Amino acid sequence: IKSLFFAFIIVTVSSYMGINTSGGAEGVGKSTTQAVVISMILILVSDFFMTMLLNALGII
């Protein structure tokens, strides 16, 4: 369950950053770095809350 949600986060953030990229090759590099950083932060935060939720429901 969690891995599918994490994949959704990565795809959504990467697509959004890719569509809104400007500035040529330099812009692509900056957007890629931002996408990775934002994805990792969102995954860490969502992992915490999903673990708490699944633990409270007795699934984990």
Protein backbone atom coordinates (compact mmCIF):
# COMPACT_ATOMS: atom_id res chain seq x y z
CA ILE A 1 0.00 0.00 0.00
CA LYS A 2 2.70 2.44 1.01
CA SER A 3 4.88 1.79 -2.02
CA LEU A 4 2.03 2.62 -4.40
CA PHE A 5 1.42 5.88 -2.56
CA PHE A 6 5.13 6.71 -2.68
CA ALA A 7 5.20 6.00 -6.41
CA PHE A 8 2.23 8.33 -6.87
CA ILE A 9 4.11 11.08 -5.00
CA ILE A 10 7.22 10.63 -7.15
CA VAL A 11 5.28 10.61 -10.43
CA THR A 12 3.17 13.62 -9.48
CA VAL A 13 6.04 15.79 -8.25
CA SER A 14 8.33 14.84 -11.14
CA SER A 15 5.65 15.47 -13.74
CA TYR A 16 4.72 18.82 -12.23
CA MET A 17 8.34 19.96 -12.04
CA GLY A 18 9.05 18.70 -15.56
CA ILE A 19 6.07 20.47 -17.11
CA ASN A 20 6.95 23.76 -15.45
CA THR A 21 10.65 23.67 -16.38
CA SER A 22 12.18 26.61 -18.21
CA GLY A 23 15.69 27.85 -18.81
CA GLY A 24 17.15 25.13 -21.01
CA ALA A 25 19.60 22.55 -19.71
CA GLU A 26 20.30 24.54 -16.55
CA GLY A 27 16.58 24.71 -15.78
CA VAL A 28 16.23 20.96 -16.27
CA GLY A 29 19.03 20.35 -13.77
CA LYS A 30 17.46 22.66 -11.19
CA SER A 31 14.00 21.16 -11.70
CA THR A 32 15.37 17.64 -11.34
CA THR A 33 17.11 18.52 -8.08
CA GLN A 34 13.98 20.21 -6.74
CA ALA A 35 11.82 17.24 -7.74
CA VAL A 36 14.10 14.80 -5.91
CA VAL A 37 14.26 16.93 -2.75
CA ILE A 38 10.51 17.60 -2.66
CA SER A 39 9.72 13.93 -3.34
CA MET A 40 11.99 12.73 -0.54
CA ILE A 41 10.53 15.18 1.96
CA LEU A 42 6.96 14.25 1.01
CA ILE A 43 7.79 10.54 1.21
CA LEU A 44 9.30 10.91 4.69
CA VAL A 45 6.32 12.91 5.97
CA SER A 46 3.73 10.64 4.35
CA ASP A 47 5.55 7.52 5.60
CA PHE A 48 5.31 8.81 9.16
CA PHE A 49 1.60 9.56 8.93
CA MET A 50 0.75 6.38 7.02
CA THR A 51 2.64 4.28 9.58
CA MET A 52 0.78 5.99 12.42
CA LEU A 53 -2.56 5.46 10.67
CA LEU A 54 -1.94 1.83 9.75
CA ASN A 55 -0.60 1.16 13.23
CA ALA A 56 -3.71 2.69 14.82
CA LEU A 57 -5.91 0.54 12.59
CA GLY A 58 -3.96 -2.57 13.58
CA ILE A 59 -2.83 -3.32 10.04
CA ILE A 60 0.89 -3.10 10.88
